[in-house]
C-alpha atoms as a PDB file:
ATOM      1  CA  MET A   1      71.711-103.728 -87.865  1.00  0.00           C
ATOM      2  CA  ASN A   2      72.512-101.103 -90.521  1.00  0.00           C
ATOM      3  CA  ILE A   3      73.859-101.825 -94.009  1.00  0.00           C
ATOM      4  CA  VAL A   4      77.491-101.170 -93.045  1.00  0.00           C
ATOM      5  CA  GLU A   5      77.276-103.613 -90.118  1.00  0.00           C
ATOM      6  CA  ARG A   6      75.550-106.229 -92.285  1.00  0.00           C
ATOM      7  CA  VAL A   7      78.251-106.043 -94.969  1.00  0.00           C
ATOM      8  CA  LYS A   8      81.049-106.121 -92.382  1.00  0.00           C
ATOM      9  CA  LYS A   9      79.486-109.253 -90.876  1.00  0.00           C
ATOM     10  CA  LEU A  10      80.128-111.045 -94.216  1.00  0.00           C
ATOM     11  CA  ASP A  11      83.878-110.560 -93.570  1.00  0.00           C
ATOM     12  CA  LEU A  12      84.751-110.071 -97.242  1.00  0.00           C
ATOM     13  CA  PRO A  13      88.359-109.169 -98.096  1.00  0.00           C
ATOM     14  CA  ALA A  14      89.122-105.520 -98.871  1.00  0.00           C
ATOM     15  CA  GLY A  15      89.872-104.830-102.511  1.00  0.00           C
ATOM     16  CA  GLU A  16      87.788-107.765-103.762  1.00  0.00           C
ATOM     17  CA  TYR A  17      84.246-106.412-103.537  1.00  0.00           C
ATOM     18  CA  VAL A  18      82.092-103.303-103.762  1.00  0.00           C
ATOM     19  CA  VAL A  19      78.515-102.710-102.638  1.00  0.00           C
ATOM     20  CA  VAL A  20      76.534-101.566-105.684  1.00  0.00           C
ATOM     21  CA  GLY A  21      73.008-100.398-106.375  1.00  0.00           C
ATOM     22  CA  SER A  22      71.042 -98.691-103.623  1.00  0.00           C
ATOM     23  CA  GLY A  23      73.491 -99.697-100.881  1.00  0.00           C
ATOM     24  CA  ILE A  24      75.199 -96.317-100.785  1.00  0.00           C
ATOM     25  CA  LEU A  25      71.806 -94.580-100.760  1.00  0.00           C
ATOM     26  CA  ASP A  26      71.072 -96.442 -97.539  1.00  0.00           C
ATOM     27  CA  ALA A  27      74.528 -95.786 -96.065  1.00  0.00           C
ATOM     28  CA  LEU A  28      74.156 -92.044 -96.758  1.00  0.00           C
ATOM     29  CA  HIS A  29      70.576 -92.040 -95.406  1.00  0.00           C
ATOM     30  CA  ILE A  30      69.119 -91.007 -98.780  1.00  0.00           C
ATOM     31  CA  ARG A  31      66.687 -93.919 -98.838  1.00  0.00           C
ATOM     32  CA  GLU A  32      66.509 -97.403 -97.370  1.00  0.00           C
ATOM     33  CA  ALA A  33      67.759-100.257 -99.537  1.00  0.00           C
ATOM     34  CA  GLN A  34      65.504-103.289 -99.921  1.00  0.00           C
ATOM     35  CA  ASP A  35      68.463-105.611-100.508  1.00  0.00           C
ATOM     36  CA  ILE A  36      72.252-105.601-100.641  1.00  0.00           C
ATOM     37  CA  ASP A  37      73.983-106.172-103.979  1.00  0.00           C
ATOM     38  CA  ILE A  38      77.717-106.845-103.877  1.00  0.00           C
ATOM     39  CA  ALA A  39      79.907-107.133-106.980  1.00  0.00           C
ATOM     40  CA  VAL A  40      82.969-109.325-106.439  1.00  0.00           C
ATOM     41  CA  VAL A  41      86.117-110.266-108.332  1.00  0.00           C
ATOM     42  CA  PRO A  42      86.188-113.787-109.848  1.00  0.00           C
ATOM     43  CA  ALA A  43      88.565-115.192-107.212  1.00  0.00           C
ATOM     44  CA  LEU A  44      86.258-114.168-104.360  1.00  0.00           C
ATOM     45  CA  LEU A  45      83.228-115.562-106.185  1.00  0.00           C
ATOM     46  CA  ALA A  46      85.030-118.913-106.516  1.00  0.00           C
ATOM     47  CA  ARG A  47      85.946-118.936-102.802  1.00  0.00           C
ATOM     48  CA  LEU A  48      82.385-118.108-101.741  1.00  0.00           C
ATOM     49  CA  ARG A  49      80.980-120.856-103.985  1.00  0.00           C
ATOM     50  CA  ALA A  50      83.482-123.374-102.592  1.00  0.00           C
ATOM     51  CA  LYS A  51      82.721-122.366 -99.002  1.00  0.00           C
ATOM     52  CA  GLY A  52      78.996-122.965 -99.516  1.00  0.00           C
ATOM     53  CA  GLY A  53      76.049-121.541 -97.638  1.00  0.00           C
ATOM     54  CA  TRP A  54      74.877-119.540-100.649  1.00  0.00           C
ATOM     55  CA  GLU A  55      72.010-120.311-102.993  1.00  0.00           C
ATOM     56  CA  GLU A  56      73.271-120.369-106.596  1.00  0.00           C
ATOM     57  CA  GLU A  57      71.180-118.828-109.344  1.00  0.00           C
ATOM     58  CA  GLU A  58      72.124-118.707-113.024  1.00  0.00           C
ATOM     59  CA  ARG A  59      71.217-115.566-114.971  1.00  0.00           C
ATOM     60  CA  TYR A  60      72.658-114.081-118.145  1.00  0.00           C
ATOM     61  CA  GLY A  61      74.985-117.093-118.349  1.00  0.00           C
ATOM     62  CA  LYS A  62      76.591-116.232-114.992  1.00  0.00           C
ATOM     63  CA  VAL A  63      76.245-117.671-111.486  1.00  0.00           C
ATOM     64  CA  PHE A  64      74.872-115.269-108.878  1.00  0.00           C
ATOM     65  CA  LEU A  65      74.961-116.134-105.170  1.00  0.00           C
ATOM     66  CA  LYS A  66      72.096-115.292-102.846  1.00  0.00           C
ATOM     67  CA  LYS A  67      71.623-115.461 -99.088  1.00  0.00           C
ATOM     68  CA  GLY A  68      68.426-113.835 -97.836  1.00  0.00           C
ATOM     69  CA  ASP A  69      68.380-110.296 -99.205  1.00  0.00           C
ATOM     70  CA  ILE A  70      72.100-110.285-100.038  1.00  0.00           C
ATOM     71  CA  GLU A  71      73.167-111.004-103.602  1.00  0.00           C
ATOM     72  CA  ILE A  72      76.685-111.563-104.890  1.00  0.00           C
ATOM     73  CA  ILE A  73      77.091-110.323-108.456  1.00  0.00           C
ATOM     74  CA  PRO A  74      79.752-112.087-110.558  1.00  0.00           C
ATOM     75  CA  GLN A  75      80.279-109.337-113.140  1.00  0.00           C
ATOM     76  CA  LEU A  76      79.355-105.686-113.160  1.00  0.00           C
ATOM     77  CA  SER A  77      79.908-104.703-116.787  1.00  0.00           C
ATOM     78  CA  TRP A  78      77.582-105.428-119.695  1.00  0.00           C
ATOM     79  CA  GLU A  79      76.907-103.973-123.136  1.00  0.00           C
ATOM     80  CA  ASP A  80      75.291-100.732-121.867  1.00  0.00           C
ATOM     81  CA  TYR A  81      77.567-100.365-118.835  1.00  0.00           C
ATOM     82  CA  PRO A  82      81.315-100.811-119.450  1.00  0.00           C
ATOM     83  CA  THR A  83      82.665-100.233-115.913  1.00  0.00           C
ATOM     84  CA  THR A  84      84.263-103.390-114.537  1.00  0.00           C
ATOM     85  CA  THR A  85      84.006-104.656-110.979  1.00  0.00           C
ATOM     86  CA  GLU A  86      87.686-103.825-110.479  1.00  0.00           C
ATOM     87  CA  GLU A  87      87.151-100.226-111.666  1.00  0.00           C
ATOM     88  CA  ALA A  88      84.163 -99.837-109.338  1.00  0.00           C
ATOM     89  CA  ILE A  89      86.271-101.179-106.454  1.00  0.00           C
ATOM     90  CA  ASP A  90      89.108 -98.751-107.251  1.00  0.00           C
ATOM     91  CA  SER A  91      86.769 -95.738-107.334  1.00  0.00           C
ATOM     92  CA  ALA A  92      84.602 -96.808-104.386  1.00  0.00           C
ATOM     93  CA  MET A  93      83.483 -94.461-101.631  1.00  0.00           C
ATOM     94  CA  ILE A  94      84.592 -95.995 -98.329  1.00  0.00           C
ATOM     95  CA  ILE A  95      82.078 -95.603 -95.517  1.00  0.00           C
ATOM     96  CA  GLU A  96      83.142 -96.988 -92.129  1.00  0.00           C
ATOM     97  CA  GLY A  97      85.526 -99.386 -93.875  1.00  0.00           C
ATOM     98  CA  VAL A  98      82.998-100.672 -96.439  1.00  0.00           C
ATOM     99  CA  PRO A  99      83.455 -99.903-100.174  1.00  0.00           C
ATOM    100  CA  PHE A 100      80.348 -98.563-101.911  1.00  0.00           C
ATOM    101  CA  MET A 101      79.976 -97.662-105.580  1.00  0.00           C
ATOM    102  CA  ASN A 102      80.507 -93.878-105.663  1.00  0.00           C
ATOM    103  CA  LEU A 103      77.564 -91.624-106.479  1.00  0.00           C
ATOM    104  CA  ALA A 104      78.777 -90.544-109.941  1.00  0.00           C
ATOM    105  CA  GLU A 105      79.315 -94.171-110.959  1.00  0.00           C
ATOM    106  CA  LEU A 106      75.975 -95.173-109.464  1.00  0.00           C
ATOM    107  CA  CYS A 107      74.243 -92.577-111.650  1.00  0.00           C
ATOM    108  CA  LYS A 108      75.909 -94.083-114.751  1.00  0.00           C
ATOM    109  CA  PHE A 109      74.933 -97.578-113.576  1.00  0.00           C
ATOM    110  CA  LYS A 110      71.318 -96.588-112.964  1.00  0.00           C
ATOM    111  CA  LYS A 111      71.081 -94.719-116.297  1.00  0.00           C
ATOM    112  CA  ALA A 112      72.251 -97.904-118.052  1.00  0.00           C
ATOM    113  CA  LEU A 113      69.601 -99.958-116.226  1.00  0.00           C
ATOM    114  CA  GLY A 114      66.982 -97.372-117.158  1.00  0.00           C
ATOM    115  CA  ARG A 115      64.143 -98.608-114.962  1.00  0.00           C
ATOM    116  CA  GLU A 116      61.630 -96.196-113.441  1.00  0.00           C
ATOM    117  CA  LYS A 117      63.010 -96.799-109.932  1.00  0.00           C
ATOM    118  CA  ASP A 118      66.495 -95.984-111.237  1.00  0.00           C
ATOM    119  CA  GLN A 119      65.291 -92.626-112.580  1.00  0.00           C
ATOM    120  CA  THR A 120      63.824 -91.893-109.141  1.00  0.00           C
ATOM    121  CA  ASP A 121      67.156 -92.794-107.500  1.00  0.00           C
ATOM    122  CA  ILE A 122      69.082 -90.542-109.905  1.00  0.00           C
ATOM    123  CA  ALA A 123      66.828 -87.641-108.889  1.00  0.00           C
ATOM    124  CA  LEU A 124      67.461 -88.448-105.199  1.00  0.00           C
ATOM    125  CA  ILE A 125      71.230 -88.576-105.818  1.00  0.00           C
ATOM    126  CA  ASN A 126      71.179 -85.243-107.641  1.00  0.00           C
ATOM    127  CA  ALA A 127      69.197 -83.642-104.793  1.00  0.00           C
ATOM    128  CA  TYR A 128      71.656 -85.077-102.247  1.00  0.00           C
ATOM    129  CA  LYS A 129      74.658 -83.805-104.207  1.00  0.00           C
ATOM    130  CA  GLU A 130      73.096 -80.355-104.484  1.00  0.00           C
ATOM    131  CA  ALA A 131      72.224 -80.232-100.769  1.00  0.00           C
ATOM    132  CA  HIS A 132      75.746 -81.308 -99.806  1.00  0.00           C
ATOM    133  CA  ALA A 133      77.569 -79.213-102.444  1.00  0.00           C
ATOM    134  CA  LEU A 134      79.125 -82.289-104.065  1.00  0.00           C
END
């Protein structure tokens, strides 16, 4: 099952979530994602918590939900990255009905994270954009 099918299987409501991180890299066949990170609006987070079936993990004073290699992120923005979940949803790239953080936003996100693997992903994104005249 590919990443699009796996996200669709979660049956999340349109306009309330966006796949972030390496998800779009997988969907565009740039590189395979090791996990699926999904940022959600507060109302959806509350509904998912109430429904159950997710492991809850507290980090940075927020509750994250985890099920296997899928993680629900309660808030996208932080000090070094001001884009909100709602803004990422509004500017998402839709692939087969699934909203993914767009490539320009993903570069900003990965620059803010600043890890070595993020620098590698930025280089892959730039190569993809050049190859596809984006």
